[in-house]
Amino acid sequence: AEYSIEFLQSLHEKSPSIIAKDDDLIVGYALVALKSIRDQHELLA
């Protein structure tokens, strides 16, 4: 799945996702998707 910055922001506003950082570099992530965003992306729906 390819998510836009706007969609990532929408996910974050509902429930922040988990990230792994090495200094300032994002080296991993686990996106939190709640039922309330289900219709905002076709694959997630």
PDB file of all heavy atoms in Angstrom:
ATOM      1  N   ALA A   1       0.841  -1.205   0.000  1.00  0.00           N
ATOM      2  CA  ALA A   1       0.000   0.000   0.000  1.00  0.00           C
ATOM      3  C   ALA A   1       0.869   1.245   0.000  1.00  0.00           C
ATOM      4  O   ALA A   1       1.846   1.339   0.738  1.00  0.00           O
ATOM      5  CB  ALA A   1      -0.919   0.001   1.206  1.00  0.00           C
ATOM      6  N   GLU A   2       0.476   2.193  -0.838  1.00  0.00           N
ATOM      7  CA  GLU A   2       1.160   3.478  -0.894  1.00  0.00           C
ATOM      8  C   GLU A   2       0.252   4.521  -0.244  1.00  0.00           C
ATOM      9  O   GLU A   2      -0.881   4.721  -0.670  1.00  0.00           O
ATOM     10  CB  GLU A   2       1.445   3.841  -2.349  1.00  0.00           C
ATOM     11  CG  GLU A   2       2.342   5.019  -2.514  1.00  0.00           C
ATOM     12  CD  GLU A   2       2.852   5.181  -3.935  1.00  0.00           C
ATOM     13  OE1 GLU A   2       2.477   4.386  -4.824  1.00  0.00           O
ATOM     14  OE2 GLU A   2       3.631   6.117  -4.147  1.00  0.00           O
ATOM     15  N   TYR A   3       0.756   5.143   0.811  1.00  0.00           N
ATOM     16  CA  TYR A   3      -0.016   6.120   1.556  1.00  0.00           C
ATOM     17  C   TYR A   3       0.570   7.518   1.345  1.00  0.00           C
ATOM     18  O   TYR A   3       1.783   7.697   1.413  1.00  0.00           O
ATOM     19  CB  TYR A   3      -0.004   5.810   3.055  1.00  0.00           C
ATOM     20  CG  TYR A   3      -0.585   4.461   3.429  1.00  0.00           C
ATOM     21  CD1 TYR A   3       0.052   3.645   4.356  1.00  0.00           C
ATOM     22  CD2 TYR A   3      -1.775   4.007   2.878  1.00  0.00           C
ATOM     23  CE1 TYR A   3      -0.487   2.418   4.718  1.00  0.00           C
ATOM     24  CE2 TYR A   3      -2.311   2.779   3.236  1.00  0.00           C
ATOM     25  CZ  TYR A   3      -1.659   1.990   4.159  1.00  0.00           C
ATOM     26  OH  TYR A   3      -2.192   0.776   4.519  1.00  0.00           O
ATOM     27  N   SER A   4      -0.287   8.483   1.146  1.00  0.00           N
ATOM     28  CA  SER A   4       0.149   9.880   1.008  1.00  0.00           C
ATOM     29  C   SER A   4       0.467  10.456   2.392  1.00  0.00           C
ATOM     30  O   SER A   4       0.024   9.924   3.420  1.00  0.00           O
ATOM     31  CB  SER A   4      -0.957  10.710   0.357  1.00  0.00           C
ATOM     32  OG  SER A   4      -2.069  10.797   1.244  1.00  0.00           O
ATOM     33  N   ILE A   5       1.195  11.549   2.391  1.00  0.00           N
ATOM     34  CA  ILE A   5       1.467  12.254   3.648  1.00  0.00           C
ATOM     35  C   ILE A   5       0.149  12.659   4.310  1.00  0.00           C
ATOM     36  O   ILE A   5      -0.001  12.569   5.531  1.00  0.00           O
ATOM     37  CB  ILE A   5       2.358  13.497   3.397  1.00  0.00           C
ATOM     38  CG1 ILE A   5       3.811  13.065   3.168  1.00  0.00           C
ATOM     39  CG2 ILE A   5       2.281  14.492   4.532  1.00  0.00           C
ATOM     40  CD1 ILE A   5       4.546  12.605   4.413  1.00  0.00           C
ATOM     41  N   GLU A   6      -0.819  13.084   3.503  1.00  0.00           N
ATOM     42  CA  GLU A   6      -2.113  13.500   4.053  1.00  0.00           C
ATOM     43  C   GLU A   6      -2.815  12.331   4.752  1.00  0.00           C
ATOM     44  O   GLU A   6      -3.402  12.505   5.829  1.00  0.00           O
ATOM     45  CB  GLU A   6      -3.018  14.072   2.942  1.00  0.00           C
ATOM     46  CG  GLU A   6      -2.516  15.364   2.327  1.00  0.00           C
ATOM     47  CD  GLU A   6      -1.362  15.177   1.335  1.00  0.00           C
ATOM     48  OE1 GLU A   6      -1.174  14.062   0.791  1.00  0.00           O
ATOM     49  OE2 GLU A   6      -0.638  16.171   1.106  1.00  0.00           O
ATOM     50  N   PHE A   7      -2.737  11.141   4.151  1.00  0.00           N
ATOM     51  CA  PHE A   7      -3.353   9.981   4.783  1.00  0.00           C
ATOM     52  C   PHE A   7      -2.597   9.596   6.058  1.00  0.00           C
ATOM     53  O   PHE A   7      -3.211   9.274   7.078  1.00  0.00           O
ATOM     54  CB  PHE A   7      -3.413   8.798   3.815  1.00  0.00           C
ATOM     55  CG  PHE A   7      -4.082   7.589   4.425  1.00  0.00           C
ATOM     56  CD1 PHE A   7      -5.447   7.589   4.675  1.00  0.00           C
ATOM     57  CD2 PHE A   7      -3.346   6.469   4.772  1.00  0.00           C
ATOM     58  CE1 PHE A   7      -6.064   6.495   5.262  1.00  0.00           C
ATOM     59  CE2 PHE A   7      -3.950   5.376   5.358  1.00  0.00           C
ATOM     60  CZ  PHE A   7      -5.318   5.381   5.599  1.00  0.00           C
ATOM     61  N   LEU A   8      -1.276   9.644   6.017  1.00  0.00           N
ATOM     62  CA  LEU A   8      -0.482   9.355   7.216  1.00  0.00           C
ATOM     63  C   LEU A   8      -0.843  10.337   8.339  1.00  0.00           C
ATOM     64  O   LEU A   8      -0.954   9.945   9.498  1.00  0.00           O
ATOM     65  CB  LEU A   8       1.015   9.410   6.914  1.00  0.00           C
ATOM     66  CG  LEU A   8       1.551   8.301   6.012  1.00  0.00           C
ATOM     67  CD1 LEU A   8       2.990   8.589   5.614  1.00  0.00           C
ATOM     68  CD2 LEU A   8       1.433   6.936   6.681  1.00  0.00           C
ATOM     69  N   GLN A   9      -1.057  11.600   7.989  1.00  0.00           N
ATOM     70  CA  GLN A   9      -1.459  12.605   8.975  1.00  0.00           C
ATOM     71  C   GLN A   9      -2.826  12.252   9.566  1.00  0.00           C
ATOM     72  O   GLN A   9      -3.038  12.363  10.771  1.00  0.00           O
ATOM     73  CB  GLN A   9      -1.497  13.994   8.325  1.00  0.00           C
ATOM     74  CG  GLN A   9      -1.878  15.110   9.266  1.00  0.00           C
ATOM     75  CD  GLN A   9      -0.808  15.425  10.299  1.00  0.00           C
ATOM     76  OE1 GLN A   9       0.376  15.344  10.009  1.00  0.00           O
ATOM     77  NE2 GLN A   9      -1.224  15.760  11.502  1.00  0.00           N
ATOM     78  N   SER A  10      -3.738  11.792   8.712  1.00  0.00           N
ATOM     79  CA  SER A  10      -5.071  11.388   9.171  1.00  0.00           C
ATOM     80  C   SER A  10      -4.973  10.208  10.144  1.00  0.00           C
ATOM     81  O   SER A  10      -5.645  10.196  11.188  1.00  0.00           O
ATOM     82  CB  SER A  10      -5.935  11.021   7.965  1.00  0.00           C
ATOM     83  OG  SER A  10      -7.224  10.655   8.366  1.00  0.00           O
ATOM     84  N   LEU A  11      -4.147   9.212   9.817  1.00  0.00           N
ATOM     85  CA  LEU A  11      -3.924   8.085  10.733  1.00  0.00           C
ATOM     86  C   LEU A  11      -3.396   8.596  12.068  1.00  0.00           C
ATOM     87  O   LEU A  11      -3.879   8.214  13.136  1.00  0.00           O
ATOM     88  CB  LEU A  11      -2.914   7.095  10.151  1.00  0.00           C
ATOM     89  CG  LEU A  11      -3.342   6.164   9.042  1.00  0.00           C
ATOM     90  CD1 LEU A  11      -2.143   5.355   8.549  1.00  0.00           C
ATOM     91  CD2 LEU A  11      -4.444   5.235   9.478  1.00  0.00           C
ATOM     92  N   HIS A  12      -2.386   9.453  11.990  1.00  0.00           N
ATOM     93  CA  HIS A  12      -1.719   9.986  13.183  1.00  0.00           C
ATOM     94  C   HIS A  12      -2.691  10.765  14.069  1.00  0.00           C
ATOM     95  O   HIS A  12      -2.628  10.668  15.295  1.00  0.00           O
ATOM     96  CB  HIS A  12      -0.548  10.867  12.751  1.00  0.00           C
ATOM     97  CG  HIS A  12       0.095  11.616  13.867  1.00  0.00           C
ATOM     98  ND1 HIS A  12       0.879  10.998  14.819  1.00  0.00           N
ATOM     99  CD2 HIS A  12       0.062  12.928  14.195  1.00  0.00           C
ATOM    100  CE1 HIS A  12       1.301  11.904  15.686  1.00  0.00           C
ATOM    101  NE2 HIS A  12       0.822  13.080  15.322  1.00  0.00           N
ATOM    102  N   GLU A  13      -3.584  11.524  13.458  1.00  0.00           N
ATOM    103  CA  GLU A  13      -4.542  12.307  14.244  1.00  0.00           C
ATOM    104  C   GLU A  13      -5.488  11.411  15.033  1.00  0.00           C
ATOM    105  O   GLU A  13      -5.919  11.771  16.128  1.00  0.00           O
ATOM    106  CB  GLU A  13      -5.330  13.250  13.330  1.00  0.00           C
ATOM    107  CG  GLU A  13      -4.483  14.404  12.826  1.00  0.00           C
ATOM    108  CD  GLU A  13      -5.148  15.207  11.721  1.00  0.00           C
ATOM    109  OE1 GLU A  13      -6.302  14.889  11.327  1.00  0.00           O
ATOM    110  OE2 GLU A  13      -4.497  16.153  11.228  1.00  0.00           O
ATOM    111  N   LYS A  14      -5.818  10.230  14.509  1.00  0.00           N
ATOM    112  CA  LYS A  14      -6.704   9.289  15.217  1.00  0.00           C
ATOM    113  C   LYS A  14      -5.952   8.539  16.310  1.00  0.00           C
ATOM    114  O   LYS A  14      -6.460   8.336  17.412  1.00  0.00           O
ATOM    115  CB  LYS A  14      -7.315   8.282  14.237  1.00  0.00           C
ATOM    116  CG  LYS A  14      -8.191   8.917  13.184  1.00  0.00           C
ATOM    117  CD  LYS A  14      -9.456   9.485  13.772  1.00  0.00           C
ATOM    118  CE  LYS A  14     -10.339  10.041  12.670  1.00  0.00           C
ATOM    119  NZ  LYS A  14     -11.486  10.751  13.173  1.00  0.00           N
ATOM    120  N   SER A  15      -4.732   8.098  15.989  1.00  0.00           N
ATOM    121  CA  SER A  15      -3.897   7.379  16.949  1.00  0.00           C
ATOM    122  C   SER A  15      -2.478   7.336  16.394  1.00  0.00           C
ATOM    123  O   SER A  15      -2.257   6.748  15.334  1.00  0.00           O
ATOM    124  CB  SER A  15      -4.422   5.954  17.155  1.00  0.00           C
ATOM    125  OG  SER A  15      -3.683   5.303  18.157  1.00  0.00           O
ATOM    126  N   PRO A  16      -1.529   7.971  17.079  1.00  0.00           N
ATOM    127  CA  PRO A  16      -0.159   8.011  16.554  1.00  0.00           C
ATOM    128  C   PRO A  16       0.419   6.616  16.340  1.00  0.00           C
ATOM    129  O   PRO A  16       0.170   5.699  17.121  1.00  0.00           O
ATOM    130  CB  PRO A  16       0.617   8.757  17.635  1.00  0.00           C
ATOM    131  CG  PRO A  16      -0.413   9.520  18.398  1.00  0.00           C
ATOM    132  CD  PRO A  16      -1.672   8.681  18.332  1.00  0.00           C
ATOM    133  N   SER A  17       1.187   6.498  15.269  1.00  0.00           N
ATOM    134  CA  SER A  17       1.833   5.232  14.950  1.00  0.00           C
ATOM    135  C   SER A  17       3.132   5.078  15.727  1.00  0.00           C
ATOM    136  O   SER A  17       3.633   6.025  16.334  1.00  0.00           O
ATOM    137  CB  SER A  17       2.089   5.162  13.442  1.00  0.00           C
ATOM    138  OG  SER A  17       0.852   5.097  12.760  1.00  0.00           O
ATOM    139  N   ILE A  18       3.657   3.875  15.689  1.00  0.00           N
ATOM    140  CA  ILE A  18       4.891   3.544  16.392  1.00  0.00           C
ATOM    141  C   ILE A  18       6.034   3.621  15.387  1.00  0.00           C
ATOM    142  O   ILE A  18       5.920   3.129  14.259  1.00  0.00           O
ATOM    143  CB  ILE A  18       4.801   2.130  17.015  1.00  0.00           C
ATOM    144  CG1 ILE A  18       3.893   2.120  18.253  1.00  0.00           C
ATOM    145  CG2 ILE A  18       6.167   1.634  17.450  1.00  0.00           C
ATOM    146  CD1 ILE A  18       2.460   2.105  18.016  1.00  0.00           C
ATOM    147  N   ILE A  19       7.138   4.229  15.809  1.00  0.00           N
ATOM    148  CA  ILE A  19       8.309   4.324  14.948  1.00  0.00           C
ATOM    149  C   ILE A  19       9.556   3.871  15.692  1.00  0.00           C
ATOM    150  O   ILE A  19       9.610   3.915  16.918  1.00  0.00           O
ATOM    151  CB  ILE A  19       8.528   5.760  14.413  1.00  0.00           C
ATOM    152  CG1 ILE A  19       8.570   6.772  15.561  1.00  0.00           C
ATOM    153  CG2 ILE A  19       7.477   6.110  13.371  1.00  0.00           C
ATOM    154  CD1 ILE A  19       8.947   8.187  15.139  1.00  0.00           C
ATOM    155  N   ALA A  20      10.536   3.452  14.914  1.00  0.00           N
ATOM    156  CA  ALA A  20      11.885   3.200  15.414  1.00  0.00           C
ATOM    157  C   ALA A  20      12.768   4.268  14.786  1.00  0.00           C
ATOM    158  O   ALA A  20      12.737   4.472  13.574  1.00  0.00           O
ATOM    159  CB  ALA A  20      12.358   1.812  15.014  1.00  0.00           C
ATOM    160  N   LYS A  21      13.522   4.964  15.632  1.00  0.00           N
ATOM    161  CA  LYS A  21      14.407   6.027  15.151  1.00  0.00           C
ATOM    162  C   LYS A  21      15.839   5.712  15.534  1.00  0.00           C
ATOM    163  O   LYS A  21      16.096   5.219  16.628  1.00  0.00           O
ATOM    164  CB  LYS A  21      14.024   7.379  15.776  1.00  0.00           C
ATOM    165  CG  LYS A  21      12.745   7.981  15.248  1.00  0.00           C
ATOM    166  CD  LYS A  21      12.455   9.328  15.877  1.00  0.00           C
ATOM    167  CE  LYS A  21      13.233  10.433  15.191  1.00  0.00           C
ATOM    168  NZ  LYS A  21      12.774  11.782  15.621  1.00  0.00           N
ATOM    169  N   ASP A  22      16.743   6.028  14.642  1.00  0.00           N
ATOM    170  CA  ASP A  22      18.174   5.996  14.918  1.00  0.00           C
ATOM    171  C   ASP A  22      18.627   7.441  14.756  1.00  0.00           C
ATOM    172  O   ASP A  22      18.709   7.941  13.635  1.00  0.00           O
ATOM    173  CB  ASP A  22      18.895   5.071  13.937  1.00  0.00           C
ATOM    174  CG  ASP A  22      20.351   4.855  14.313  1.00  0.00           C
ATOM    175  OD1 ASP A  22      20.806   5.430  15.327  1.00  0.00           O
ATOM    176  OD2 ASP A  22      21.043   4.122  13.586  1.00  0.00           O
ATOM    177  N   ASP A  23      18.856   8.121  15.861  1.00  0.00           N
ATOM    178  CA  ASP A  23      19.026   9.572  15.883  1.00  0.00           C
ATOM    179  C   ASP A  23      17.777  10.190  15.251  1.00  0.00           C
ATOM    180  O   ASP A  23      16.700   9.957  15.748  1.00  0.00           O
ATOM    181  CB  ASP A  23      20.334   9.990  15.208  1.00  0.00           C
ATOM    182  CG  ASP A  23      21.561   9.519  16.008  1.00  0.00           C
ATOM    183  OD1 ASP A  23      21.502   9.555  17.258  1.00  0.00           O
ATOM    184  OD2 ASP A  23      22.547   9.097  15.383  1.00  0.00           O
ATOM    185  N   ASP A  24      17.911  10.909  14.138  1.00  0.00           N
ATOM    186  CA  ASP A  24      16.736  11.532  13.516  1.00  0.00           C
ATOM    187  C   ASP A  24      16.178  10.719  12.352  1.00  0.00           C
ATOM    188  O   ASP A  24      15.208  11.130  11.728  1.00  0.00           O
ATOM    189  CB  ASP A  24      17.077  12.943  13.028  1.00  0.00           C
ATOM    190  CG  ASP A  24      17.231  13.918  14.181  1.00  0.00           C
ATOM    191  OD1 ASP A  24      16.595  13.701  15.230  1.00  0.00           O
ATOM    192  OD2 ASP A  24      17.983  14.904  14.029  1.00  0.00           O
ATOM    193  N   LEU A  25      16.773   9.586  12.060  1.00  0.00           N
ATOM    194  CA  LEU A  25      16.367   8.767  10.918  1.00  0.00           C
ATOM    195  C   LEU A  25      15.292   7.758  11.320  1.00  0.00           C
ATOM    196  O   LEU A  25      15.461   7.010  12.287  1.00  0.00           O
ATOM    197  CB  LEU A  25      17.579   8.024  10.354  1.00  0.00           C
ATOM    198  CG  LEU A  25      17.359   7.160   9.123  1.00  0.00           C
ATOM    199  CD1 LEU A  25      16.992   8.026   7.920  1.00  0.00           C
ATOM    200  CD2 LEU A  25      18.627   6.356   8.822  1.00  0.00           C
ATOM    201  N   ILE A  26      14.174   7.741  10.583  1.00  0.00           N
ATOM    202  CA  ILE A  26      13.132   6.730  10.799  1.00  0.00           C
ATOM    203  C   ILE A  26      13.632   5.432  10.174  1.00  0.00           C
ATOM    204  O   ILE A  26      13.867   5.371   8.970  1.00  0.00           O
ATOM    205  CB  ILE A  26      11.789   7.141  10.157  1.00  0.00           C
ATOM    206  CG1 ILE A  26      11.307   8.492  10.697  1.00  0.00           C
ATOM    207  CG2 ILE A  26      10.731   6.050  10.370  1.00  0.00           C
ATOM    208  CD1 ILE A  26      11.039   8.541  12.168  1.00  0.00           C
ATOM    209  N   VAL A  27      13.799   4.394  10.998  1.00  0.00           N
ATOM    210  CA  VAL A  27      14.327   3.112  10.513  1.00  0.00           C
ATOM    211  C   VAL A  27      13.287   1.997  10.595  1.00  0.00           C
ATOM    212  O   VAL A  27      13.551   0.862  10.194  1.00  0.00           O
ATOM    213  CB  VAL A  27      15.629   2.719  11.247  1.00  0.00           C
ATOM    214  CG1 VAL A  27      16.714   3.767  10.992  1.00  0.00           C
ATOM    215  CG2 VAL A  27      15.403   2.521  12.742  1.00  0.00           C
ATOM    216  N   GLY A  28      12.110   2.318  11.115  1.00  0.00           N
ATOM    217  CA  GLY A  28      11.034   1.342  11.172  1.00  0.00           C
ATOM    218  C   GLY A  28       9.750   2.021  11.593  1.00  0.00           C
ATOM    219  O   GLY A  28       9.775   3.091  12.214  1.00  0.00           O
ATOM    220  N   TYR A  29       8.627   1.412  11.203  1.00  0.00           N
ATOM    221  CA  TYR A  29       7.337   1.937  11.634  1.00  0.00           C
ATOM    222  C   TYR A  29       6.287   0.837  11.627  1.00  0.00           C
ATOM    223  O   TYR A  29       6.380  -0.137  10.898  1.00  0.00           O
ATOM    224  CB  TYR A  29       6.876   3.111  10.754  1.00  0.00           C
ATOM    225  CG  TYR A  29       6.641   2.786   9.300  1.00  0.00           C
ATOM    226  CD1 TYR A  29       5.437   2.212   8.868  1.00  0.00           C
ATOM    227  CD2 TYR A  29       7.619   3.043   8.343  1.00  0.00           C
ATOM    228  CE1 TYR A  29       5.217   1.909   7.536  1.00  0.00           C
ATOM    229  CE2 TYR A  29       7.406   2.746   7.001  1.00  0.00           C
ATOM    230  CZ  TYR A  29       6.208   2.176   6.607  1.00  0.00           C
ATOM    231  OH  TYR A  29       5.988   1.876   5.287  1.00  0.00           O
ATOM    232  N   ALA A  30       5.284   1.028  12.486  1.00  0.00           N
ATOM    233  CA  ALA A  30       4.086   0.194  12.527  1.00  0.00           C
ATOM    234  C   ALA A  30       2.910   1.161  12.597  1.00  0.00           C
ATOM    235  O   ALA A  30       2.738   1.866  13.599  1.00  0.00           O
ATOM    236  CB  ALA A  30       4.095  -0.727  13.740  1.00  0.00           C
ATOM    237  N   LEU A  31       2.151   1.249  11.508  1.00  0.00           N
ATOM    238  CA  LEU A  31       1.058   2.210  11.422  1.00  0.00           C
ATOM    239  C   LEU A  31      -0.177   1.703  12.158  1.00  0.00           C
ATOM    240  O   LEU A  31      -0.605   0.568  11.965  1.00  0.00           O
ATOM    241  CB  LEU A  31       0.700   2.482   9.954  1.00  0.00           C
ATOM    242  CG  LEU A  31       1.825   3.020   9.072  1.00  0.00           C
ATOM    243  CD1 LEU A  31       1.310   3.243   7.656  1.00  0.00           C
ATOM    244  CD2 LEU A  31       2.418   4.298   9.645  1.00  0.00           C
ATOM    245  N   VAL A  32      -0.744   2.554  12.994  1.00  0.00           N
ATOM    246  CA  VAL A  32      -1.954   2.242  13.746  1.00  0.00           C
ATOM    247  C   VAL A  32      -3.159   2.674  12.906  1.00  0.00           C
ATOM    248  O   VAL A  32      -3.290   3.852  12.573  1.00  0.00           O
ATOM    249  CB  VAL A  32      -1.975   2.980  15.104  1.00  0.00           C
ATOM    250  CG1 VAL A  32      -3.270   2.693  15.857  1.00  0.00           C
ATOM    251  CG2 VAL A  32      -0.757   2.602  15.940  1.00  0.00           C
ATOM    252  N   ALA A  33      -4.019   1.723  12.552  1.00  0.00           N
ATOM    253  CA  ALA A  33      -5.220   2.016  11.761  1.00  0.00           C
ATOM    254  C   ALA A  33      -6.461   1.637  12.564  1.00  0.00           C
ATOM    255  O   ALA A  33      -6.659   0.468  12.888  1.00  0.00           O
ATOM    256  CB  ALA A  33      -5.181   1.259  10.431  1.00  0.00           C
ATOM    257  N   LEU A  34      -7.259   2.629  12.880  1.00  0.00           N
ATOM    258  CA  LEU A  34      -8.492   2.417  13.633  1.00  0.00           C
ATOM    259  C   LEU A  34      -9.672   2.252  12.684  1.00  0.00           C
ATOM    260  O   LEU A  34      -9.632   2.696  11.535  1.00  0.00           O
ATOM    261  CB  LEU A  34      -8.743   3.604  14.570  1.00  0.00           C
ATOM    262  CG  LEU A  34      -7.625   3.951  15.557  1.00  0.00           C
ATOM    263  CD1 LEU A  34      -8.034   5.138  16.416  1.00  0.00           C
ATOM    264  CD2 LEU A  34      -7.263   2.756  16.427  1.00  0.00           C
ATOM    265  N   LYS A  35     -10.740   1.649  13.180  1.00  0.00           N
ATOM    266  CA  LYS A  35     -11.949   1.443  12.365  1.00  0.00           C
ATOM    267  C   LYS A  35     -12.457   2.750  11.765  1.00  0.00           C
ATOM    268  O   LYS A  35     -13.002   2.758  10.667  1.00  0.00           O
ATOM    269  CB  LYS A  35     -13.053   0.791  13.201  1.00  0.00           C
ATOM    270  CG  LYS A  35     -12.786  -0.642  13.586  1.00  0.00           C
ATOM    271  CD  LYS A  35     -13.919  -1.190  14.449  1.00  0.00           C
ATOM    272  CE  LYS A  35     -13.634  -2.593  14.916  1.00  0.00           C
ATOM    273  NZ  LYS A  35     -14.736  -3.153  15.724  1.00  0.00           N
ATOM    274  N   SER A  36     -12.272   3.852  12.455  1.00  0.00           N
ATOM    275  CA  SER A  36     -12.797   5.137  11.997  1.00  0.00           C
ATOM    276  C   SER A  36     -12.148   5.644  10.708  1.00  0.00           C
ATOM    277  O   SER A  36     -12.693   6.532  10.061  1.00  0.00           O
ATOM    278  CB  SER A  36     -12.655   6.194  13.097  1.00  0.00           C
ATOM    279  OG  SER A  36     -11.291   6.359  13.438  1.00  0.00           O
ATOM    280  N   ILE A  37     -11.013   5.084  10.298  1.00  0.00           N
ATOM    281  CA  ILE A  37     -10.368   5.519   9.052  1.00  0.00           C
ATOM    282  C   ILE A  37     -10.589   4.533   7.913  1.00  0.00           C
ATOM    283  O   ILE A  37     -10.084   4.720   6.818  1.00  0.00           O
ATOM    284  CB  ILE A  37      -8.858   5.772   9.247  1.00  0.00           C
ATOM    285  CG1 ILE A  37      -8.114   4.494   9.684  1.00  0.00           C
ATOM    286  CG2 ILE A  37      -8.591   6.889  10.222  1.00  0.00           C
ATOM    287  CD1 ILE A  37      -7.646   3.674   8.549  1.00  0.00           C
ATOM    288  N   ARG A  38     -11.342   3.508   8.163  1.00  0.00           N
ATOM    289  CA  ARG A  38     -11.471   2.386   7.228  1.00  0.00           C
ATOM    290  C   ARG A  38     -11.821   2.795   5.812  1.00  0.00           C
ATOM    291  O   ARG A  38     -11.374   2.173   4.865  1.00  0.00           O
ATOM    292  CB  ARG A  38     -12.465   1.360   7.761  1.00  0.00           C
ATOM    293  CG  ARG A  38     -13.892   1.814   7.719  1.00  0.00           C
ATOM    294  CD  ARG A  38     -14.867   0.875   8.399  1.00  0.00           C
ATOM    295  NE  ARG A  38     -14.846  -0.458   7.857  1.00  0.00           N
ATOM    296  CZ  ARG A  38     -15.023  -1.556   8.594  1.00  0.00           C
ATOM    297  NH1 ARG A  38     -15.265  -1.464   9.873  1.00  0.00           N
ATOM    298  NH2 ARG A  38     -14.985  -2.738   8.035  1.00  0.00           N
ATOM    299  N   ASP A  39     -12.609   3.823   5.617  1.00  0.00           N
ATOM    300  CA  ASP A  39     -13.052   4.192   4.277  1.00  0.00           C
ATOM    301  C   ASP A  39     -12.176   5.254   3.616  1.00  0.00           C
ATOM    302  O   ASP A  39     -12.505   5.739   2.547  1.00  0.00           O
ATOM    303  CB  ASP A  39     -14.506   4.663   4.324  1.00  0.00           C
ATOM    304  CG  ASP A  39     -15.440   3.523   4.717  1.00  0.00           C
ATOM    305  OD1 ASP A  39     -15.181   2.364   4.319  1.00  0.00           O
ATOM    306  OD2 ASP A  39     -16.417   3.780   5.448  1.00  0.00           O
ATOM    307  N   GLN A  40     -11.060   5.582   4.237  1.00  0.00           N
ATOM    308  CA  GLN A  40     -10.183   6.608   3.676  1.00  0.00           C
ATOM    309  C   GLN A  40      -9.124   6.046   2.726  1.00  0.00           C
ATOM    310  O   GLN A  40      -8.386   6.806   2.109  1.00  0.00           O
ATOM    311  CB  GLN A  40      -9.516   7.412   4.792  1.00  0.00           C
ATOM    312  CG  GLN A  40     -10.515   8.228   5.586  1.00  0.00           C
ATOM    313  CD  GLN A  40      -9.850   9.034   6.678  1.00  0.00           C
ATOM    314  OE1 GLN A  40      -8.682   9.380   6.609  1.00  0.00           O
ATOM    315  NE2 GLN A  40     -10.605   9.353   7.714  1.00  0.00           N
ATOM    316  N   HIS A  41      -9.018   4.723   2.638  1.00  0.00           N
ATOM    317  CA  HIS A  41      -8.059   4.090   1.732  1.00  0.00           C
ATOM    318  C   HIS A  41      -8.644   2.756   1.271  1.00  0.00           C
ATOM    319  O   HIS A  41      -9.061   1.944   2.098  1.00  0.00           O
ATOM    320  CB  HIS A  41      -6.710   3.877   2.432  1.00  0.00           C
ATOM    321  CG  HIS A  41      -5.601   3.556   1.503  1.00  0.00           C
ATOM    322  ND1 HIS A  41      -5.399   2.305   0.990  1.00  0.00           N
ATOM    323  CD2 HIS A  41      -4.639   4.342   0.968  1.00  0.00           C
ATOM    324  CE1 HIS A  41      -4.343   2.320   0.195  1.00  0.00           C
ATOM    325  NE2 HIS A  41      -3.863   3.550   0.153  1.00  0.00           N
ATOM    326  N   GLU A  42      -8.650   2.538  -0.037  1.00  0.00           N
ATOM    327  CA  GLU A  42      -9.305   1.361  -0.613  1.00  0.00           C
ATOM    328  C   GLU A  42      -8.776   0.039  -0.056  1.00  0.00           C
ATOM    329  O   GLU A  42      -9.557  -0.855   0.290  1.00  0.00           O
ATOM    330  CB  GLU A  42      -9.153   1.389  -2.134  1.00  0.00           C
ATOM    331  CG  GLU A  42      -9.859   0.248  -2.837  1.00  0.00           C
ATOM    332  CD  GLU A  42      -9.675   0.296  -4.353  1.00  0.00           C
ATOM    333  OE1 GLU A  42      -9.065   1.247  -4.870  1.00  0.00           O
ATOM    334  OE2 GLU A  42     -10.149  -0.648  -5.004  1.00  0.00           O
ATOM    335  N   LEU A  43      -7.457  -0.110   0.035  1.00  0.00           N
ATOM    336  CA  LEU A  43      -6.900  -1.371   0.549  1.00  0.00           C
ATOM    337  C   LEU A  43      -7.293  -1.605   2.002  1.00  0.00           C
ATOM    338  O   LEU A  43      -7.632  -2.724   2.389  1.00  0.00           O
ATOM    339  CB  LEU A  43      -5.372  -1.385   0.411  1.00  0.00           C
ATOM    340  CG  LEU A  43      -4.812  -1.554  -0.987  1.00  0.00           C
ATOM    341  CD1 LEU A  43      -3.291  -1.413  -0.978  1.00  0.00           C
ATOM    342  CD2 LEU A  43      -5.210  -2.889  -1.583  1.00  0.00           C
ATOM    343  N   LEU A  44      -7.247  -0.553   2.811  1.00  0.00           N
ATOM    344  CA  LEU A  44      -7.639  -0.711   4.217  1.00  0.00           C
ATOM    345  C   LEU A  44      -9.121  -0.994   4.352  1.00  0.00           C
ATOM    346  O   LEU A  44      -9.526  -1.784   5.203  1.00  0.00           O
ATOM    347  CB  LEU A  44      -7.251   0.517   5.029  1.00  0.00           C
ATOM    348  CG  LEU A  44      -5.771   0.626   5.394  1.00  0.00           C
ATOM    349  CD1 LEU A  44      -5.489   1.934   6.125  1.00  0.00           C
ATOM    350  CD2 LEU A  44      -5.325  -0.555   6.230  1.00  0.00           C
ATOM    351  N   ALA A  45      -9.932  -0.373   3.517  1.00  0.00           N
ATOM    352  CA  ALA A  45     -11.380  -0.635   3.554  1.00  0.00           C
ATOM    353  C   ALA A  45     -11.654  -2.112   3.289  1.00  0.00           C
ATOM    354  O   ALA A  45     -12.437  -2.755   4.007  1.00  0.00           O
ATOM    355  CB  ALA A  45     -12.108   0.236   2.535  1.00  0.00           C
TER     356      ALA A  45
END
